[in-house]
PDB file of N, CA and C in Angstrom:
ATOM      1  N   MET A   1       0.834  -1.190   0.000  1.00  0.00           N
ATOM      2  CA  MET A   1       0.000   0.000   0.000  1.00  0.00           C
ATOM      3  C   MET A   1       0.869   1.240   0.000  1.00  0.00           C
ATOM      4  N   THR A   2       0.415   2.190  -0.692  1.00  0.00           N
ATOM      5  CA  THR A   2       1.163   3.444  -0.709  1.00  0.00           C
ATOM      6  C   THR A   2       0.687   4.348   0.412  1.00  0.00           C
ATOM      7  N   GLU A   3       1.471   5.351   0.659  1.00  0.00           N
ATOM      8  CA  GLU A   3       1.131   6.294   1.719  1.00  0.00           C
ATOM      9  C   GLU A   3      -0.141   7.063   1.396  1.00  0.00           C
ATOM     10  N   ASN A   4      -0.374   7.323   0.159  1.00  0.00           N
ATOM     11  CA  ASN A   4      -1.558   8.063  -0.280  1.00  0.00           C
ATOM     12  C   ASN A   4      -2.837   7.257  -0.046  1.00  0.00           C
ATOM     13  N   SER A   5      -2.784   5.951  -0.295  1.00  0.00           N
ATOM     14  CA  SER A   5      -3.985   5.132  -0.098  1.00  0.00           C
ATOM     15  C   SER A   5      -4.324   4.967   1.390  1.00  0.00           C
ATOM     16  N   ILE A   6      -3.312   4.946   2.247  1.00  0.00           N
ATOM     17  CA  ILE A   6      -3.553   4.874   3.688  1.00  0.00           C
ATOM     18  C   ILE A   6      -4.231   6.157   4.162  1.00  0.00           C
ATOM     19  N   LEU A   7      -3.749   7.276   3.672  1.00  0.00           N
ATOM     20  CA  LEU A   7      -4.327   8.565   4.048  1.00  0.00           C
ATOM     21  C   LEU A   7      -5.770   8.686   3.585  1.00  0.00           C
ATOM     22  N   THR A   8      -6.050   8.257   2.374  1.00  0.00           N
ATOM     23  CA  THR A   8      -7.430   8.349   1.870  1.00  0.00           C
ATOM     24  C   THR A   8      -8.353   7.364   2.573  1.00  0.00           C
ATOM     25  N   SER A   9      -7.831   6.264   3.048  1.00  0.00           N
ATOM     26  CA  SER A   9      -8.694   5.310   3.762  1.00  0.00           C
ATOM     27  C   SER A   9      -8.985   5.772   5.191  1.00  0.00           C
ATOM     28  N   LEU A  10      -8.079   6.550   5.803  1.00  0.00           N
ATOM     29  CA  LEU A  10      -8.289   7.033   7.167  1.00  0.00           C
ATOM     30  C   LEU A  10      -9.031   8.367   7.214  1.00  0.00           C
ATOM     31  N   LEU A  11      -9.068   9.072   6.114  1.00  0.00           N
ATOM     32  CA  LEU A  11      -9.706  10.383   6.081  1.00  0.00           C
ATOM     33  C   LEU A  11     -11.186  10.361   6.486  1.00  0.00           C
ATOM     34  N   PRO A  12     -12.010   9.419   5.992  1.00  0.00           N
ATOM     35  CA  PRO A  12     -13.412   9.393   6.453  1.00  0.00           C
ATOM     36  C   PRO A  12     -13.557   9.133   7.958  1.00  0.00           C
ATOM     37  N   LEU A  13     -12.668   8.301   8.512  1.00  0.00           N
ATOM     38  CA  LEU A  13     -12.716   8.013   9.942  1.00  0.00           C
ATOM     39  C   LEU A  13     -12.380   9.263  10.763  1.00  0.00           C
ATOM     40  N   VAL A  14     -11.379  10.005  10.339  1.00  0.00           N
ATOM     41  CA  VAL A  14     -11.006  11.248  11.015  1.00  0.00           C
ATOM     42  C   VAL A  14     -12.141  12.265  10.900  1.00  0.00           C
ATOM     43  N   PHE A  15     -12.751  12.340   9.745  1.00  0.00           N
ATOM     44  CA  PHE A  15     -13.866  13.258   9.527  1.00  0.00           C
ATOM     45  C   PHE A  15     -15.049  12.912  10.439  1.00  0.00           C
ATOM     46  N   LEU A  16     -15.376  11.633  10.559  1.00  0.00           N
ATOM     47  CA  LEU A  16     -16.477  11.209  11.440  1.00  0.00           C
ATOM     48  C   LEU A  16     -16.172  11.520  12.907  1.00  0.00           C
ATOM     49  N   PHE A  17     -14.927  11.309  13.317  1.00  0.00           N
ATOM     50  CA  PHE A  17     -14.559  11.622  14.693  1.00  0.00           C
ATOM     51  C   PHE A  17     -14.695  13.118  14.960  1.00  0.00           C
ATOM     52  N   ALA A  18     -14.283  13.952  14.008  1.00  0.00           N
ATOM     53  CA  ALA A  18     -14.395  15.410  14.177  1.00  0.00           C
ATOM     54  C   ALA A  18     -15.856  15.831  14.313  1.00  0.00           C
ATOM     55  N   ILE A  19     -16.727  15.266  13.496  1.00  0.00           N
ATOM     56  CA  ILE A  19     -18.157  15.575  13.587  1.00  0.00           C
ATOM     57  C   ILE A  19     -18.709  15.140  14.943  1.00  0.00           C
ATOM     58  N   PHE A  20     -18.356  13.926  15.368  1.00  0.00           N
ATOM     59  CA  PHE A  20     -18.817  13.406  16.657  1.00  0.00           C
ATOM     60  C   PHE A  20     -18.343  14.299  17.800  1.00  0.00           C
ATOM     61  N   TYR A  21     -17.097  14.762  17.724  1.00  0.00           N
ATOM     62  CA  TYR A  21     -16.552  15.613  18.775  1.00  0.00           C
ATOM     63  C   TYR A  21     -17.321  16.929  18.869  1.00  0.00           C
ATOM     64  N   PHE A  22     -17.548  17.592  17.741  1.00  0.00           N
ATOM     65  CA  PHE A  22     -18.193  18.902  17.769  1.00  0.00           C
ATOM     66  C   PHE A  22     -19.698  18.833  18.015  1.00  0.00           C
ATOM     67  N   LEU A  23     -20.336  17.721  17.702  1.00  0.00           N
ATOM     68  CA  LEU A  23     -21.778  17.621  17.906  1.00  0.00           C
ATOM     69  C   LEU A  23     -22.178  16.969  19.226  1.00  0.00           C
ATOM     70  N   VAL A  24     -21.287  16.154  19.811  1.00  0.00           N
ATOM     71  CA  VAL A  24     -21.664  15.426  21.020  1.00  0.00           C
ATOM     72  C   VAL A  24     -20.762  15.749  22.209  1.00  0.00           C
ATOM     73  N   ILE A  25     -19.486  15.522  22.057  1.00  0.00           N
ATOM     74  CA  ILE A  25     -18.572  15.609  23.198  1.00  0.00           C
ATOM     75  C   ILE A  25     -18.416  17.040  23.696  1.00  0.00           C
ATOM     76  N   ARG A  26     -18.138  17.965  22.812  1.00  0.00           N
ATOM     77  CA  ARG A  26     -17.883  19.356  23.220  1.00  0.00           C
ATOM     78  C   ARG A  26     -19.092  20.017  23.886  1.00  0.00           C
ATOM     79  N   PRO A  27     -20.301  19.914  23.319  1.00  0.00           N
ATOM     80  CA  PRO A  27     -21.457  20.508  24.012  1.00  0.00           C
ATOM     81  C   PRO A  27     -21.720  19.886  25.387  1.00  0.00           C
ATOM     82  N   GLN A  28     -21.483  18.587  25.512  1.00  0.00           N
ATOM     83  CA  GLN A  28     -21.693  17.925  26.793  1.00  0.00           C
ATOM     84  C   GLN A  28     -20.688  18.423  27.832  1.00  0.00           C
ATOM     85  N   GLN A  29     -19.446  18.659  27.416  1.00  0.00           N
ATOM     86  CA  GLN A  29     -18.448  19.190  28.329  1.00  0.00           C
ATOM     87  C   GLN A  29     -18.799  20.613  28.760  1.00  0.00           C
ATOM     88  N   LYS A  30     -19.300  21.431  27.843  1.00  0.00           N
ATOM     89  CA  LYS A  30     -19.701  22.798  28.177  1.00  0.00           C
ATOM     90  C   LYS A  30     -20.856  22.801  29.167  1.00  0.00           C
ATOM     91  N   GLN A  31     -21.813  21.901  28.963  1.00  0.00           N
ATOM     92  CA  GLN A  31     -22.965  21.820  29.857  1.00  0.00           C
ATOM     93  C   GLN A  31     -22.532  21.373  31.255  1.00  0.00           C
ATOM     94  N   ALA A  32     -21.643  20.405  31.340  1.00  0.00           N
ATOM     95  CA  ALA A  32     -21.155  19.934  32.635  1.00  0.00           C
ATOM     96  C   ALA A  32     -20.391  21.038  33.362  1.00  0.00           C
ATOM     97  N   LYS A  33     -19.612  21.818  32.628  1.00  0.00           N
ATOM     98  CA  LYS A  33     -18.857  22.917  33.232  1.00  0.00           C
ATOM     99  C   LYS A  33     -19.805  24.001  33.762  1.00  0.00           C
ATOM    100  N   ALA A  34     -20.839  24.324  33.004  1.00  0.00           N
ATOM    101  CA  ALA A  34     -21.817  25.332  33.436  1.00  0.00           C
ATOM    102  C   ALA A  34     -22.574  24.854  34.671  1.00  0.00           C
ATOM    103  N   HIS A  35     -22.922  23.565  34.733  1.00  0.00           N
ATOM    104  CA  HIS A  35     -23.640  23.011  35.892  1.00  0.00           C
ATOM    105  C   HIS A  35     -22.749  23.057  37.132  1.00  0.00           C
ATOM    106  N   LYS A  36     -21.465  22.750  36.967  1.00  0.00           N
ATOM    107  CA  LYS A  36     -20.537  22.791  38.093  1.00  0.00           C
ATOM    108  C   LYS A  36     -20.393  24.215  38.616  1.00  0.00           C
ATOM    109  N   GLN A  37     -20.309  25.195  37.727  1.00  0.00           N
ATOM    110  CA  GLN A  37     -20.217  26.594  38.142  1.00  0.00           C
ATOM    111  C   GLN A  37     -21.482  27.039  38.871  1.00  0.00           C
ATOM    112  N   MET A  38     -22.634  26.558  38.394  1.00  0.00           N
ATOM    113  CA  MET A  38     -23.898  26.898  39.045  1.00  0.00           C
ATOM    114  C   MET A  38     -23.927  26.327  40.466  1.00  0.00           C
ATOM    115  N   LEU A  39     -23.460  25.097  40.647  1.00  0.00           N
ATOM    116  CA  LEU A  39     -23.440  24.496  41.982  1.00  0.00           C
ATOM    117  C   LEU A  39     -22.503  25.253  42.919  1.00  0.00           C
ATOM    118  N   GLU A  40     -21.367  25.698  42.397  1.00  0.00           N
ATOM    119  CA  GLU A  40     -20.408  26.418  43.230  1.00  0.00           C
ATOM    120  C   GLU A  40     -20.900  27.805  43.612  1.00  0.00           C
ATOM    121  N   SER A  41     -21.797  28.379  42.812  1.00  0.00           N
ATOM    122  CA  SER A  41     -22.251  29.743  43.069  1.00  0.00           C
ATOM    123  C   SER A  41     -23.544  29.809  43.885  1.00  0.00           C
ATOM    124  N   LEU A  42     -24.055  28.662  44.339  1.00  0.00           N
ATOM    125  CA  LEU A  42     -25.290  28.681  45.128  1.00  0.00           C
ATOM    126  C   LEU A  42     -25.075  29.416  46.443  1.00  0.00           C
ATOM    127  N   GLN A  43     -26.034  30.267  46.783  1.00  0.00           N
ATOM    128  CA  GLN A  43     -25.973  31.046  48.016  1.00  0.00           C
ATOM    129  C   GLN A  43     -27.294  30.921  48.761  1.00  0.00           C
ATOM    130  N   LYS A  44     -27.275  31.382  49.996  1.00  0.00           N
ATOM    131  CA  LYS A  44     -28.488  31.375  50.812  1.00  0.00           C
ATOM    132  C   LYS A  44     -29.568  32.211  50.125  1.00  0.00           C
ATOM    133  N   GLY A  45     -30.772  31.652  50.046  1.00  0.00           N
ATOM    134  CA  GLY A  45     -31.901  32.350  49.440  1.00  0.00           C
ATOM    135  C   GLY A  45     -32.161  31.972  47.986  1.00  0.00           C
ATOM    136  N   ASP A  46     -31.210  31.288  47.332  1.00  0.00           N
ATOM    137  CA  ASP A  46     -31.424  30.864  45.947  1.00  0.00           C
ATOM    138  C   ASP A  46     -32.482  29.771  45.888  1.00  0.00           C
ATOM    139  N   LYS A  47     -33.284  29.792  44.856  1.00  0.00           N
ATOM    140  CA  LYS A  47     -34.281  28.737  44.651  1.00  0.00           C
ATOM    141  C   LYS A  47     -33.720  27.744  43.637  1.00  0.00           C
ATOM    142  N   ILE A  48     -33.893  26.455  43.953  1.00  0.00           N
ATOM    143  CA  ILE A  48     -33.375  25.393  43.086  1.00  0.00           C
ATOM    144  C   ILE A  48     -34.456  24.355  42.828  1.00  0.00           C
ATOM    145  N   ILE A  49     -34.241  23.572  41.794  1.00  0.00           N
ATOM    146  CA  ILE A  49     -35.076  22.406  41.514  1.00  0.00           C
ATOM    147  C   ILE A  49     -34.176  21.187  41.624  1.00  0.00           C
ATOM    148  N   THR A  50     -34.620  20.191  42.389  1.00  0.00           N
ATOM    149  CA  THR A  50     -33.843  18.963  42.515  1.00  0.00           C
ATOM    150  C   THR A  50     -34.162  18.047  41.342  1.00  0.00           C
ATOM    151  N   SER A  51     -33.346  17.015  41.179  1.00  0.00           N
ATOM    152  CA  SER A  51     -33.605  16.066  40.100  1.00  0.00           C
ATOM    153  C   SER A  51     -34.882  15.271  40.357  1.00  0.00           C
ATOM    154  N   GLY A  52     -35.382  15.291  41.577  1.00  0.00           N
ATOM    155  CA  GLY A  52     -36.647  14.651  41.905  1.00  0.00           C
ATOM    156  C   GLY A  52     -37.852  15.544  41.666  1.00  0.00           C
ATOM    157  N   GLY A  53     -37.609  16.817  41.315  1.00  0.00           N
ATOM    158  CA  GLY A  53     -38.692  17.724  40.989  1.00  0.00           C
ATOM    159  C   GLY A  53     -39.128  18.631  42.125  1.00  0.00           C
ATOM    160  N   LEU A  54     -38.434  18.586  43.257  1.00  0.00           N
ATOM    161  CA  LEU A  54     -38.790  19.449  44.378  1.00  0.00           C
ATOM    162  C   LEU A  54     -38.229  20.846  44.160  1.00  0.00           C
ATOM    163  N   ILE A  55     -39.029  21.845  44.476  1.00  0.00           N
ATOM    164  CA  ILE A  55     -38.573  23.228  44.406  1.00  0.00           C
ATOM    165  C   ILE A  55     -38.235  23.645  45.835  1.00  0.00           C
ATOM    166  N   CYS A  56     -36.975  24.046  46.055  1.00  0.00           N
ATOM    167  CA  CYS A  56     -36.482  24.334  47.394  1.00  0.00           C
ATOM    168  C   CYS A  56     -35.781  25.684  47.421  1.00  0.00           C
ATOM    169  N   GLU A  57     -35.570  26.168  48.640  1.00  0.00           N
ATOM    170  CA  GLU A  57     -34.794  27.393  48.841  1.00  0.00           C
ATOM    171  C   GLU A  57     -33.546  27.032  49.633  1.00  0.00           C
ATOM    172  N   VAL A  58     -32.391  27.469  49.169  1.00  0.00           N
ATOM    173  CA  VAL A  58     -31.123  27.151  49.830  1.00  0.00           C
ATOM    174  C   VAL A  58     -31.044  27.898  51.158  1.00  0.00           C
ATOM    175  N   VAL A  59     -30.748  27.143  52.229  1.00  0.00           N
ATOM    176  CA  VAL A  59     -30.573  27.725  53.552  1.00  0.00           C
ATOM    177  C   VAL A  59     -29.086  27.876  53.847  1.00  0.00           C
ATOM    178  N   LYS A  60     -28.313  26.808  53.566  1.00  0.00           N
ATOM    179  CA  LYS A  60     -26.881  26.852  53.842  1.00  0.00           C
ATOM    180  C   LYS A  60     -26.150  25.895  52.903  1.00  0.00           C
ATOM    181  N   PRO A  61     -25.368  26.423  51.961  1.00  0.00           N
ATOM    182  CA  PRO A  61     -24.555  25.537  51.123  1.00  0.00           C
ATOM    183  C   PRO A  61     -23.338  25.037  51.907  1.00  0.00           C
ATOM    184  N   GLU A  62     -23.092  23.737  51.844  1.00  0.00           N
ATOM    185  CA  GLU A  62     -21.942  23.131  52.502  1.00  0.00           C
ATOM    186  C   GLU A  62     -21.072  22.479  51.431  1.00  0.00           C
ATOM    187  N   ASP A  63     -20.030  21.763  51.840  1.00  0.00           N
ATOM    188  CA  ASP A  63     -19.101  21.179  50.877  1.00  0.00           C
ATOM    189  C   ASP A  63     -19.771  20.138  49.976  1.00  0.00           C
ATOM    190  N   ASP A  64     -20.305  19.077  50.569  1.00  0.00           N
ATOM    191  CA  ASP A  64     -20.906  18.001  49.781  1.00  0.00           C
ATOM    192  C   ASP A  64     -22.430  18.045  49.777  1.00  0.00           C
ATOM    193  N   PHE A  65     -23.004  18.739  50.732  1.00  0.00           N
ATOM    194  CA  PHE A  65     -24.450  18.776  50.879  1.00  0.00           C
ATOM    195  C   PHE A  65     -24.946  20.217  50.903  1.00  0.00           C
ATOM    196  N   ILE A  66     -26.246  20.370  50.741  1.00  0.00           N
ATOM    197  CA  ILE A  66     -26.876  21.688  50.818  1.00  0.00           C
ATOM    198  C   ILE A  66     -28.086  21.563  51.730  1.00  0.00           C
ATOM    199  N   LYS A  67     -28.199  22.446  52.695  1.00  0.00           N
ATOM    200  CA  LYS A  67     -29.401  22.487  53.525  1.00  0.00           C
ATOM    201  C   LYS A  67     -30.416  23.354  52.798  1.00  0.00           C
ATOM    202  N   VAL A  68     -31.624  22.798  52.612  1.00  0.00           N
ATOM    203  CA  VAL A  68     -32.666  23.514  51.876  1.00  0.00           C
ATOM    204  C   VAL A  68     -33.959  23.538  52.677  1.00  0.00           C
ATOM    205  N   LYS A  69     -34.750  24.577  52.432  1.00  0.00           N
ATOM    206  CA  LYS A  69     -36.067  24.713  53.060  1.00  0.00           C
ATOM    207  C   LYS A  69     -37.094  24.288  52.019  1.00  0.00           C
ATOM    208  N   LEU A  70     -37.954  23.335  52.385  1.00  0.00           N
ATOM    209  CA  LEU A  70     -38.915  22.786  51.438  1.00  0.00           C
ATOM    210  C   LEU A  70     -40.169  23.635  51.288  1.00  0.00           C
ATOM    211  N   ASN A  71     -40.625  24.236  52.365  1.00  0.00           N
ATOM    212  CA  ASN A  71     -41.852  25.037  52.275  1.00  0.00           C
ATOM    213  C   ASN A  71     -41.811  26.156  53.312  1.00  0.00           C
ATOM    214  N   ASP A  72     -42.902  26.856  53.444  1.00  0.00           N
ATOM    215  CA  ASP A  72     -42.946  27.974  54.376  1.00  0.00           C
ATOM    216  C   ASP A  72     -43.019  27.543  55.843  1.00  0.00           C
ATOM    217  N   GLU A  73     -43.155  26.266  56.095  1.00  0.00           N
ATOM    218  CA  GLU A  73     -43.263  25.750  57.463  1.00  0.00           C
ATOM    219  C   GLU A  73     -41.892  25.502  58.084  1.00  0.00           C
ATOM    220  N   ASN A  74     -40.831  25.967  57.425  1.00  0.00           N
ATOM    221  CA  ASN A  74     -39.456  25.798  57.900  1.00  0.00           C
ATOM    222  C   ASN A  74     -39.026  24.343  58.027  1.00  0.00           C
ATOM    223  N   VAL A  75     -39.436  23.515  57.078  1.00  0.00           N
ATOM    224  CA  VAL A  75     -38.960  22.142  57.014  1.00  0.00           C
ATOM    225  C   VAL A  75     -37.619  22.183  56.291  1.00  0.00           C
ATOM    226  N   ILE A  76     -36.548  21.916  57.039  1.00  0.00           N
ATOM    227  CA  ILE A  76     -35.202  22.000  56.477  1.00  0.00           C
ATOM    228  C   ILE A  76     -34.633  20.597  56.352  1.00  0.00           C
ATOM    229  N   VAL A  77     -34.146  20.279  55.160  1.00  0.00           N
ATOM    230  CA  VAL A  77     -33.537  18.976  54.898  1.00  0.00           C
ATOM    231  C   VAL A  77     -32.166  19.193  54.275  1.00  0.00           C
ATOM    232  N   LYS A  78     -31.380  18.142  54.289  1.00  0.00           N
ATOM    233  CA  LYS A  78     -30.041  18.187  53.723  1.00  0.00           C
ATOM    234  C   LYS A  78     -30.039  17.308  52.471  1.00  0.00           C
ATOM    235  N   ILE A  79     -29.632  17.874  51.336  1.00  0.00           N
ATOM    236  CA  ILE A  79     -29.577  17.091  50.104  1.00  0.00           C
ATOM    237  C   ILE A  79     -28.145  17.121  49.552  1.00  0.00           C
ATOM    238  N   SER A  80     -27.830  16.121  48.779  1.00  0.00           N
ATOM    239  CA  SER A  80     -26.523  16.053  48.133  1.00  0.00           C
ATOM    240  C   SER A  80     -26.470  17.030  46.968  1.00  0.00           C
ATOM    241  N   ARG A  81     -25.328  17.610  46.738  1.00  0.00           N
ATOM    242  CA  ARG A  81     -25.155  18.527  45.606  1.00  0.00           C
ATOM    243  C   ARG A  81     -25.396  17.820  44.274  1.00  0.00           C
ATOM    244  N   ASP A  82     -25.228  16.500  44.254  1.00  0.00           N
ATOM    245  CA  ASP A  82     -25.419  15.729  43.011  1.00  0.00           C
ATOM    246  C   ASP A  82     -26.852  15.765  42.526  1.00  0.00           C
ATOM    247  N   PHE A  83     -27.809  16.073  43.403  1.00  0.00           N
ATOM    248  CA  PHE A  83     -29.217  16.026  43.034  1.00  0.00           C
ATOM    249  C   PHE A  83     -29.825  17.395  42.733  1.00  0.00           C
ATOM    250  N   VAL A  84     -28.992  18.421  42.615  1.00  0.00           N
ATOM    251  CA  VAL A  84     -29.480  19.734  42.217  1.00  0.00           C
ATOM    252  C   VAL A  84     -29.514  19.769  40.703  1.00  0.00           C
ATOM    253  N   ALA A  85     -30.714  19.943  40.150  1.00  0.00           N
ATOM    254  CA  ALA A  85     -30.859  19.942  38.691  1.00  0.00           C
ATOM    255  C   ALA A  85     -30.571  21.321  38.110  1.00  0.00           C
ATOM    256  N   LYS A  86     -31.221  22.341  38.659  1.00  0.00           N
ATOM    257  CA  LYS A  86     -30.978  23.689  38.141  1.00  0.00           C
ATOM    258  C   LYS A  86     -31.404  24.733  39.156  1.00  0.00           C
ATOM    259  N   LYS A  87     -30.951  25.946  38.907  1.00  0.00           N
ATOM    260  CA  LYS A  87     -31.270  27.105  39.738  1.00  0.00           C
ATOM    261  C   LYS A  87     -32.376  27.883  39.057  1.00  0.00           C
ATOM    262  N   ILE A  88     -33.346  28.334  39.852  1.00  0.00           N
ATOM    263  CA  ILE A  88     -34.459  29.112  39.300  1.00  0.00           C
ATOM    264  C   ILE A  88     -34.127  30.583  39.450  1.00  0.00           C
ATOM    265  N   ASP A  89     -34.210  31.312  38.366  1.00  0.00           N
ATOM    266  CA  ASP A  89     -33.948  32.752  38.399  1.00  0.00           C
ATOM    267  C   ASP A  89     -35.249  33.523  38.551  1.00  0.00           C
ATOM    268  N   ALA A  90     -35.827  33.429  39.747  1.00  0.00           N
ATOM    269  CA  ALA A  90     -37.101  34.120  39.983  1.00  0.00           C
ATOM    270  C   ALA A  90     -37.017  34.980  41.209  1.00  0.00           C
TER     271      ALA A  90
END
């Protein structure tokens, strides 16, 4: 085989990998980075939605857990940072 035929046979594979990277891997990395920044910026009084669908208010952010208030009756629970889905900007 010549060097030219090896290059032409690998070119479609390289092209497919580039498409896969820009359409799947890169956006997923950006989303994960934005979610991590959102978790680090949580402060007292922020409203969040958990992955279970609960809407809570942050009482005290800690290292691995977050203390949240579930309702107006001052029910405070501790949840893992892994279960915070998003922050509500309201």
